[in-house]
PDB file of N, CA and C in Angstrom:
ATOM      1  N   MET A   1      26.460   0.119  -1.925  1.00  0.00           N
ATOM      2  CA  MET A   1      25.346   0.404  -2.461  1.00  0.00           C
ATOM      3  C   MET A   1      24.527   0.214  -1.501  1.00  0.00           C
ATOM      4  N   LYS A   2      22.941   0.368  -1.579  1.00  0.00           N
ATOM      5  CA  LYS A   2      21.991   0.526  -0.779  1.00  0.00           C
ATOM      6  C   LYS A   2      21.974  -0.788  -0.882  1.00  0.00           C
ATOM      7  N   GLN A   3      21.471  -1.774   0.114  1.00  0.00           N
ATOM      8  CA  GLN A   3      20.739  -2.224   0.675  1.00  0.00           C
ATOM      9  C   GLN A   3      19.181  -2.381   0.628  1.00  0.00           C
ATOM     10  N   PRO A   4      18.364  -3.690  -0.040  1.00  0.00           N
ATOM     11  CA  PRO A   4      17.381  -3.503  -0.224  1.00  0.00           C
ATOM     12  C   PRO A   4      16.371  -3.374   0.993  1.00  0.00           C
ATOM     13  N   HIS A   5      15.018  -2.911   1.097  1.00  0.00           N
ATOM     14  CA  HIS A   5      14.406  -3.580   2.139  1.00  0.00           C
ATOM     15  C   HIS A   5      14.037  -4.771   2.188  1.00  0.00           C
ATOM     16  N   THR A   6      13.944  -5.543   3.392  1.00  0.00           N
ATOM     17  CA  THR A   6      13.183  -6.688   3.040  1.00  0.00           C
ATOM     18  C   THR A   6      12.134  -6.772   4.142  1.00  0.00           C
ATOM     19  N   HIS A   7      10.731  -6.632   3.648  1.00  0.00           N
ATOM     20  CA  HIS A   7       9.382  -7.003   4.661  1.00  0.00           C
ATOM     21  C   HIS A   7       8.827  -8.169   4.916  1.00  0.00           C
ATOM     22  N   LEU A   8       8.777  -8.810   5.351  1.00  0.00           N
ATOM     23  CA  LEU A   8       7.812 -10.176   5.500  1.00  0.00           C
ATOM     24  C   LEU A   8       6.647  -9.740   4.803  1.00  0.00           C
ATOM     25  N   SER A   9       6.010  -8.753   5.018  1.00  0.00           N
ATOM     26  CA  SER A   9       4.292  -7.934   4.868  1.00  0.00           C
ATOM     27  C   SER A   9       4.502  -7.687   2.903  1.00  0.00           C
ATOM     28  N   HIS A  10       5.998  -7.540   2.336  1.00  0.00           N
ATOM     29  CA  HIS A  10       5.479  -6.869   0.909  1.00  0.00           C
ATOM     30  C   HIS A  10       5.063  -8.237   0.453  1.00  0.00           C
ATOM     31  N   PRO A  11       4.944  -9.463   0.046  1.00  0.00           N
ATOM     32  CA  PRO A  11       4.552 -10.187  -0.514  1.00  0.00           C
ATOM     33  C   PRO A  11       2.929 -10.356  -0.839  1.00  0.00           C
ATOM     34  N   ARG A  12       2.904 -10.441   0.671  1.00  0.00           N
ATOM     35  CA  ARG A  12       1.359 -10.183   0.754  1.00  0.00           C
ATOM     36  C   ARG A  12       0.624  -8.608   0.297  1.00  0.00           C
ATOM     37  N   ILE A  13       1.103  -7.842   0.530  1.00  0.00           N
ATOM     38  CA  ILE A  13       0.636  -6.768  -0.215  1.00  0.00           C
ATOM     39  C   ILE A  13       1.260  -6.944  -2.040  1.00  0.00           C
ATOM     40  N   ALA A  14       2.127  -7.359  -2.035  1.00  0.00           N
ATOM     41  CA  ALA A  14       2.021  -7.584  -4.146  1.00  0.00           C
ATOM     42  C   ALA A  14       1.032  -8.270  -4.506  1.00  0.00           C
ATOM     43  N   THR A  15       0.211  -9.424  -3.464  1.00  0.00           N
ATOM     44  CA  THR A  15      -0.812 -10.384  -3.319  1.00  0.00           C
ATOM     45  C   THR A  15      -2.072  -9.047  -4.044  1.00  0.00           C
ATOM     46  N   ARG A  16      -1.880  -8.377  -2.876  1.00  0.00           N
ATOM     47  CA  ARG A  16      -3.198  -7.219  -2.799  1.00  0.00           C
ATOM     48  C   ARG A  16      -3.233  -6.302  -3.894  1.00  0.00           C
ATOM     49  N   LEU A  17      -2.240  -5.798  -4.338  1.00  0.00           N
ATOM     50  CA  LEU A  17      -2.068  -4.758  -5.350  1.00  0.00           C
ATOM     51  C   LEU A  17      -2.333  -5.450  -6.541  1.00  0.00           C
ATOM     52  N   LYS A  18      -2.186  -6.633  -6.912  1.00  0.00           N
ATOM     53  CA  LYS A  18      -2.297  -7.385  -8.277  1.00  0.00           C
ATOM     54  C   LYS A  18      -3.766  -7.910  -8.469  1.00  0.00           C
ATOM     55  N   ARG A  19      -4.376  -8.043  -6.739  1.00  0.00           N
ATOM     56  CA  ARG A  19      -6.059  -8.385  -7.435  1.00  0.00           C
ATOM     57  C   ARG A  19      -6.388  -6.937  -7.540  1.00  0.00           C
ATOM     58  N   ALA A  20      -6.391  -5.656  -7.210  1.00  0.00           N
ATOM     59  CA  ALA A  20      -6.339  -4.536  -7.495  1.00  0.00           C
ATOM     60  C   ALA A  20      -6.295  -4.662  -8.689  1.00  0.00           C
ATOM     61  N   ASN A  21      -5.265  -4.701  -9.368  1.00  0.00           N
ATOM     62  CA  ASN A  21      -5.070  -4.400 -11.130  1.00  0.00           C
ATOM     63  C   ASN A  21      -6.352  -5.135 -11.754  1.00  0.00           C
ATOM     64  N   GLY A  22      -6.402  -6.195 -10.914  1.00  0.00           N
ATOM     65  CA  GLY A  22      -7.244  -7.305 -11.977  1.00  0.00           C
ATOM     66  C   GLY A  22      -8.376  -6.801 -11.545  1.00  0.00           C
ATOM     67  N   HIS A  23      -9.195  -5.879 -10.572  1.00  0.00           N
ATOM     68  CA  HIS A  23     -10.311  -5.250 -10.346  1.00  0.00           C
ATOM     69  C   HIS A  23     -10.156  -4.292 -11.481  1.00  0.00           C
ATOM     70  N   LEU A  24      -8.946  -3.653 -11.417  1.00  0.00           N
ATOM     71  CA  LEU A  24      -8.871  -2.503 -12.166  1.00  0.00           C
ATOM     72  C   LEU A  24      -9.216  -2.116 -13.692  1.00  0.00           C
ATOM     73  N   SER A  25      -8.658  -3.544 -13.975  1.00  0.00           N
ATOM     74  CA  SER A  25      -8.909  -4.215 -15.528  1.00  0.00           C
ATOM     75  C   SER A  25     -10.193  -4.419 -15.979  1.00  0.00           C
ATOM     76  N   SER A  26     -10.878  -4.645 -14.879  1.00  0.00           N
ATOM     77  CA  SER A  26     -12.196  -5.141 -15.211  1.00  0.00           C
ATOM     78  C   SER A  26     -13.276  -4.163 -15.382  1.00  0.00           C
ATOM     79  N   VAL A  27     -13.000  -2.759 -14.811  1.00  0.00           N
ATOM     80  CA  VAL A  27     -13.720  -2.065 -14.008  1.00  0.00           C
ATOM     81  C   VAL A  27     -13.217  -0.971 -15.626  1.00  0.00           C
ATOM     82  N   ILE A  28     -12.453  -1.048 -16.630  1.00  0.00           N
ATOM     83  CA  ILE A  28     -11.893  -0.467 -17.755  1.00  0.00           C
ATOM     84  C   ILE A  28     -12.500  -1.223 -18.697  1.00  0.00           C
ATOM     85  N   SER A  29     -12.983  -2.508 -18.229  1.00  0.00           N
ATOM     86  CA  SER A  29     -13.676  -3.780 -19.510  1.00  0.00           C
ATOM     87  C   SER A  29     -15.226  -3.076 -19.139  1.00  0.00           C
ATOM     88  N   MET A  30     -15.470  -2.848 -18.104  1.00  0.00           N
ATOM     89  CA  MET A  30     -16.760  -2.718 -17.984  1.00  0.00           C
ATOM     90  C   MET A  30     -17.555  -1.261 -18.706  1.00  0.00           C
ATOM     91  N   ILE A  31     -16.699  -0.118 -18.375  1.00  0.00           N
ATOM     92  CA  ILE A  31     -16.785   1.346 -18.903  1.00  0.00           C
ATOM     93  C   ILE A  31     -16.420   0.803 -20.642  1.00  0.00           C
ATOM     94  N   GLU A  32     -15.268   0.065 -21.246  1.00  0.00           N
ATOM     95  CA  GLU A  32     -15.822   0.230 -22.274  1.00  0.00           C
ATOM     96  C   GLU A  32     -16.912  -0.505 -23.204  1.00  0.00           C
ATOM     97  N   ASP A  33     -17.489  -1.706 -21.896  1.00  0.00           N
ATOM     98  CA  ASP A  33     -18.470  -2.359 -22.678  1.00  0.00           C
ATOM     99  C   ASP A  33     -20.192  -1.516 -22.316  1.00  0.00           C
ATOM    100  N   GLY A  34     -19.625  -0.360 -22.008  1.00  0.00           N
ATOM    101  CA  GLY A  34     -21.229   0.117 -21.319  1.00  0.00           C
ATOM    102  C   GLY A  34     -22.367  -0.077 -20.330  1.00  0.00           C
ATOM    103  N   ARG A  35     -21.776  -0.870 -19.385  1.00  0.00           N
ATOM    104  CA  ARG A  35     -22.279  -1.228 -18.136  1.00  0.00           C
ATOM    105  C   ARG A  35     -22.718   0.068 -17.247  1.00  0.00           C
ATOM    106  N   PRO A  36     -23.465  -0.565 -16.557  1.00  0.00           N
ATOM    107  CA  PRO A  36     -24.420   0.835 -15.522  1.00  0.00           C
ATOM    108  C   PRO A  36     -22.862   1.354 -14.476  1.00  0.00           C
ATOM    109  N   CYS A  37     -23.505   3.233 -14.684  1.00  0.00           N
ATOM    110  CA  CYS A  37     -22.357   3.594 -13.821  1.00  0.00           C
ATOM    111  C   CYS A  37     -22.884   3.313 -12.519  1.00  0.00           C
ATOM    112  N   ALA A  38     -23.726   2.863 -11.931  1.00  0.00           N
ATOM    113  CA  ALA A  38     -23.705   2.794 -10.239  1.00  0.00           C
ATOM    114  C   ALA A  38     -22.752   1.458 -10.527  1.00  0.00           C
ATOM    115  N   ASP A  39     -22.915   0.132 -11.425  1.00  0.00           N
ATOM    116  CA  ASP A  39     -22.081  -1.211 -11.257  1.00  0.00           C
ATOM    117  C   ASP A  39     -20.595  -0.920 -11.161  1.00  0.00           C
ATOM    118  N   ILE A  40     -20.263   0.294 -12.167  1.00  0.00           N
ATOM    119  CA  ILE A  40     -18.524   0.854 -12.129  1.00  0.00           C
ATOM    120  C   ILE A  40     -18.373   1.552 -10.766  1.00  0.00           C
ATOM    121  N   ALA A  41     -18.608   2.048  -9.937  1.00  0.00           N
ATOM    122  CA  ALA A  41     -18.900   3.079  -9.269  1.00  0.00           C
ATOM    123  C   ALA A  41     -18.878   2.019  -8.030  1.00  0.00           C
ATOM    124  N   GLN A  42     -19.882   1.042  -8.230  1.00  0.00           N
ATOM    125  CA  GLN A  42     -19.202  -0.014  -7.065  1.00  0.00           C
ATOM    126  C   GLN A  42     -17.494  -0.679  -7.112  1.00  0.00           C
ATOM    127  N   GLN A  43     -17.482  -1.119  -8.581  1.00  0.00           N
ATOM    128  CA  GLN A  43     -16.285  -2.140  -8.868  1.00  0.00           C
ATOM    129  C   GLN A  43     -14.675  -1.161  -8.449  1.00  0.00           C
ATOM    130  N   LEU A  44     -15.346   0.237  -8.714  1.00  0.00           N
ATOM    131  CA  LEU A  44     -14.218   1.300  -8.243  1.00  0.00           C
ATOM    132  C   LEU A  44     -13.972   1.834  -6.773  1.00  0.00           C
ATOM    133  N   GLN A  45     -14.954   1.780  -6.406  1.00  0.00           N
ATOM    134  CA  GLN A  45     -15.221   1.719  -4.810  1.00  0.00           C
ATOM    135  C   GLN A  45     -14.223   0.250  -4.022  1.00  0.00           C
ATOM    136  N   ALA A  46     -14.206  -0.596  -4.482  1.00  0.00           N
ATOM    137  CA  ALA A  46     -13.631  -1.757  -4.393  1.00  0.00           C
ATOM    138  C   ALA A  46     -11.810  -1.662  -4.217  1.00  0.00           C
ATOM    139  N   VAL A  47     -11.737  -1.135  -5.711  1.00  0.00           N
ATOM    140  CA  VAL A  47     -10.652  -1.121  -6.181  1.00  0.00           C
ATOM    141  C   VAL A  47      -9.868  -0.279  -5.322  1.00  0.00           C
ATOM    142  N   GLU A  48     -10.746   1.059  -5.069  1.00  0.00           N
ATOM    143  CA  GLU A  48     -10.250   2.393  -4.113  1.00  0.00           C
ATOM    144  C   GLU A  48      -9.405   1.120  -2.762  1.00  0.00           C
ATOM    145  N   LYS A  49     -10.794   0.600  -2.566  1.00  0.00           N
ATOM    146  CA  LYS A  49     -10.099   0.045  -0.629  1.00  0.00           C
ATOM    147  C   LYS A  49      -9.480  -0.695  -0.615  1.00  0.00           C
ATOM    148  N   ALA A  50      -9.292  -1.550  -1.808  1.00  0.00           N
ATOM    149  CA  ALA A  50      -8.142  -2.540  -1.801  1.00  0.00           C
ATOM    150  C   ALA A  50      -6.703  -1.814  -1.982  1.00  0.00           C
ATOM    151  N   ILE A  51      -6.674  -0.884  -2.277  1.00  0.00           N
ATOM    152  CA  ILE A  51      -5.219   0.115  -2.595  1.00  0.00           C
ATOM    153  C   ILE A  51      -4.439   0.602  -1.674  1.00  0.00           C
ATOM    154  N   THR A  52      -5.979   1.115  -0.652  1.00  0.00           N
ATOM    155  CA  THR A  52      -6.012   2.027   0.841  1.00  0.00           C
ATOM    156  C   THR A  52      -5.617   0.742   1.598  1.00  0.00           C
ATOM    157  N   ASN A  53      -5.878  -0.174   1.682  1.00  0.00           N
ATOM    158  CA  ASN A  53      -5.351  -0.851   2.545  1.00  0.00           C
ATOM    159  C   ASN A  53      -3.977  -1.484   2.562  1.00  0.00           C
ATOM    160  N   ALA A  54      -3.683  -1.669   1.038  1.00  0.00           N
ATOM    161  CA  ALA A  54      -2.840  -2.420   0.962  1.00  0.00           C
ATOM    162  C   ALA A  54      -1.003  -1.125   1.410  1.00  0.00           C
ATOM    163  N   LYS A  55      -1.823   0.391   0.678  1.00  0.00           N
ATOM    164  CA  LYS A  55      -0.794   1.454   1.534  1.00  0.00           C
ATOM    165  C   LYS A  55      -0.759   1.747   3.239  1.00  0.00           C
ATOM    166  N   ARG A  56      -2.224   0.820   3.726  1.00  0.00           N
ATOM    167  CA  ARG A  56      -1.951   0.802   5.393  1.00  0.00           C
ATOM    168  C   ARG A  56      -0.846  -0.215   5.837  1.00  0.00           C
ATOM    169  N   GLU A  57      -0.930  -1.408   5.577  1.00  0.00           N
ATOM    170  CA  GLU A  57      -0.101  -1.804   5.704  1.00  0.00           C
ATOM    171  C   GLU A  57       1.483  -1.668   5.327  1.00  0.00           C
ATOM    172  N   LEU A  58       1.370  -1.272   4.120  1.00  0.00           N
ATOM    173  CA  LEU A  58       2.871  -0.846   3.729  1.00  0.00           C
ATOM    174  C   LEU A  58       3.073  -0.223   4.942  1.00  0.00           C
ATOM    175  N   ILE A  59       2.653   1.297   4.776  1.00  0.00           N
ATOM    176  CA  ILE A  59       3.158   1.809   5.991  1.00  0.00           C
ATOM    177  C   ILE A  59       2.876   1.395   7.645  1.00  0.00           C
ATOM    178  N   PHE A  60       1.721   0.744   8.152  1.00  0.00           N
ATOM    179  CA  PHE A  60       1.913  -0.254   9.042  1.00  0.00           C
ATOM    180  C   PHE A  60       3.635  -0.420   9.133  1.00  0.00           C
ATOM    181  N   ASP A  61       3.583  -1.504   8.818  1.00  0.00           N
ATOM    182  CA  ASP A  61       4.865  -2.266   8.253  1.00  0.00           C
ATOM    183  C   ASP A  61       6.450  -1.248   8.475  1.00  0.00           C
ATOM    184  N   HIS A  62       6.399  -0.629   7.524  1.00  0.00           N
ATOM    185  CA  HIS A  62       7.287   0.165   7.626  1.00  0.00           C
ATOM    186  C   HIS A  62       7.941   1.044   8.906  1.00  0.00           C
ATOM    187  N   ILE A  63       6.412   1.612   9.920  1.00  0.00           N
ATOM    188  CA  ILE A  63       6.707   1.821  11.313  1.00  0.00           C
ATOM    189  C   ILE A  63       7.234   0.847  11.928  1.00  0.00           C
ATOM    190  N   ASP A  64       6.960  -0.123  11.830  1.00  0.00           N
ATOM    191  CA  ASP A  64       6.835  -1.544  12.773  1.00  0.00           C
ATOM    192  C   ASP A  64       8.558  -1.562  13.027  1.00  0.00           C
ATOM    193  N   HIS A  65       9.420  -1.269  11.442  1.00  0.00           N
ATOM    194  CA  HIS A  65      10.595  -1.846  11.544  1.00  0.00           C
ATOM    195  C   HIS A  65      11.359  -0.791  11.837  1.00  0.00           C
ATOM    196  N   CYS A  66      10.901   0.549  11.374  1.00  0.00           N
ATOM    197  CA  CYS A  66      11.601   1.568  12.059  1.00  0.00           C
ATOM    198  C   CYS A  66      11.816   1.334  13.766  1.00  0.00           C
ATOM    199  N   LEU A  67      10.707   1.347  14.518  1.00  0.00           N
ATOM    200  CA  LEU A  67       9.874   1.323  15.554  1.00  0.00           C
ATOM    201  C   LEU A  67      11.695   0.200  15.928  1.00  0.00           C
ATOM    202  N   GLU A  68      11.171  -0.605  15.678  1.00  0.00           N
ATOM    203  CA  GLU A  68      12.209  -2.645  15.898  1.00  0.00           C
ATOM    204  C   GLU A  68      13.942  -1.718  16.572  1.00  0.00           C
ATOM    205  N   ASP A  69      13.909  -0.904  15.066  1.00  0.00           N
ATOM    206  CA  ASP A  69      15.368  -0.626  14.983  1.00  0.00           C
ATOM    207  C   ASP A  69      14.950   0.534  15.850  1.00  0.00           C
ATOM    208  N   ALA A  70      14.809   1.490  16.257  1.00  0.00           N
ATOM    209  CA  ALA A  70      14.715   2.093  17.529  1.00  0.00           C
ATOM    210  C   ALA A  70      15.171   1.600  18.843  1.00  0.00           C
ATOM    211  N   ARG A  71      14.509   0.068  18.500  1.00  0.00           N
ATOM    212  CA  ARG A  71      14.657  -0.580  20.212  1.00  0.00           C
ATOM    213  C   ARG A  71      15.990  -1.364  20.207  1.00  0.00           C
ATOM    214  N   ASN A  72      16.624  -0.939  19.553  1.00  0.00           N
ATOM    215  CA  ASN A  72      18.210  -2.022  19.084  1.00  0.00           C
ATOM    216  C   ASN A  72      19.493  -1.170  18.777  1.00  0.00           C
ATOM    217  N   GLU A  73      18.902   0.179  18.905  1.00  0.00           N
ATOM    218  CA  GLU A  73      20.239   1.046  18.433  1.00  0.00           C
ATOM    219  C   GLU A  73      19.567   2.534  18.911  1.00  0.00           C
ATOM    220  N   THR A  74      20.621   3.499  19.335  1.00  0.00           N
ATOM    221  CA  THR A  74      19.758   4.750  19.434  1.00  0.00           C
ATOM    222  C   THR A  74      19.147   5.759  18.629  1.00  0.00           C
ATOM    223  N   ARG A  75      18.129   6.278  18.843  1.00  0.00           N
ATOM    224  CA  ARG A  75      17.581   6.724  17.465  1.00  0.00           C
ATOM    225  C   ARG A  75      18.224   7.806  17.105  1.00  0.00           C
ATOM    226  N   THR A  76      18.289   7.717  15.700  1.00  0.00           N
ATOM    227  CA  THR A  76      19.153   8.814  15.071  1.00  0.00           C
ATOM    228  C   THR A  76      18.111   9.586  14.481  1.00  0.00           C
ATOM    229  N   GLU A  77      18.992  10.932  13.659  1.00  0.00           N
ATOM    230  CA  GLU A  77      18.388  11.552  13.049  1.00  0.00           C
ATOM    231  C   GLU A  77      17.569  10.971  11.280  1.00  0.00           C
ATOM    232  N   GLY A  78      17.949  10.651  11.389  1.00  0.00           N
ATOM    233  CA  GLY A  78      17.649   9.452   9.931  1.00  0.00           C
ATOM    234  C   GLY A  78      16.220   9.081  10.514  1.00  0.00           C
ATOM    235  N   GLN A  79      16.403   8.301  11.212  1.00  0.00           N
ATOM    236  CA  GLN A  79      15.074   8.010  11.450  1.00  0.00           C
ATOM    237  C   GLN A  79      14.083   8.648  11.687  1.00  0.00           C
ATOM    238  N   SER A  80      13.985   9.959  12.739  1.00  0.00           N
ATOM    239  CA  SER A  80      12.927  10.809  12.678  1.00  0.00           C
ATOM    240  C   SER A  80      12.428  11.000  11.522  1.00  0.00           C
ATOM    241  N   GLU A  81      13.181  10.961  10.176  1.00  0.00           N
ATOM    242  CA  GLU A  81      12.964  11.914   8.991  1.00  0.00           C
ATOM    243  C   GLU A  81      12.451  10.711   8.221  1.00  0.00           C
ATOM    244  N   MET A  82      12.845   9.501   8.554  1.00  0.00           N
ATOM    245  CA  MET A  82      12.259   8.180   8.072  1.00  0.00           C
ATOM    246  C   MET A  82      10.867   8.318   8.627  1.00  0.00           C
ATOM    247  N   PHE A  83      10.550   8.369  10.067  1.00  0.00           N
ATOM    248  CA  PHE A  83       8.990   8.774  10.334  1.00  0.00           C
ATOM    249  C   PHE A  83       8.019   9.805   9.592  1.00  0.00           C
ATOM    250  N   LYS A  84       8.814  10.994   9.433  1.00  0.00           N
ATOM    251  CA  LYS A  84       8.314  11.916   9.088  1.00  0.00           C
ATOM    252  C   LYS A  84       8.192  11.693   6.780  1.00  0.00           C
ATOM    253  N   ASP A  85       8.977  10.585   6.499  1.00  0.00           N
ATOM    254  CA  ASP A  85       8.552  10.875   5.275  1.00  0.00           C
ATOM    255  C   ASP A  85       7.290  10.033   4.960  1.00  0.00           C
ATOM    256  N   ILE A  86       7.342   8.950   5.911  1.00  0.00           N
ATOM    257  CA  ILE A  86       6.369   8.088   5.579  1.00  0.00           C
ATOM    258  C   ILE A  86       4.611   8.518   6.142  1.00  0.00           C
ATOM    259  N   ALA A  87       4.973   9.300   7.245  1.00  0.00           N
ATOM    260  CA  ALA A  87       4.003   9.610   7.600  1.00  0.00           C
ATOM    261  C   ALA A  87       2.894  10.587   7.323  1.00  0.00           C
ATOM    262  N   ARG A  88       3.562  11.304   5.632  1.00  0.00           N
ATOM    263  CA  ARG A  88       2.616  12.284   5.746  1.00  0.00           C
ATOM    264  C   ARG A  88       2.179  10.761   4.258  1.00  0.00           C
ATOM    265  N   TYR A  89       1.989  10.216   4.097  1.00  0.00           N
ATOM    266  CA  TYR A  89       1.190   9.432   3.444  1.00  0.00           C
ATOM    267  C   TYR A  89      -0.273   8.676   3.732  1.00  0.00           C
ATOM    268  N   LEU A  90      -0.517   8.581   5.093  1.00  0.00           N
ATOM    269  CA  LEU A  90      -1.510   8.640   6.116  1.00  0.00           C
ATOM    270  C   LEU A  90      -2.569   9.544   6.031  1.00  0.00           C
TER     271      LEU A  90
END
């Protein structure tokens, strides 16, 4: 059975995403309440930025872990594939 990855950044990333989720719920309410489009667009921009920042932190953390693993052992083809897999999300 594959061991789960433990990263110190994951709780921080989860907190960011929960906050973004709350903002997204607010945006939905704003739409349902007929709020001005400019206000809605501004809030959507904030949600998008929060998600982008969470994704960036996750990817950088993943790369840091891969680099740490590579320092501790000979680089394997699997590690190269991990870099390629995560890099496509940048």
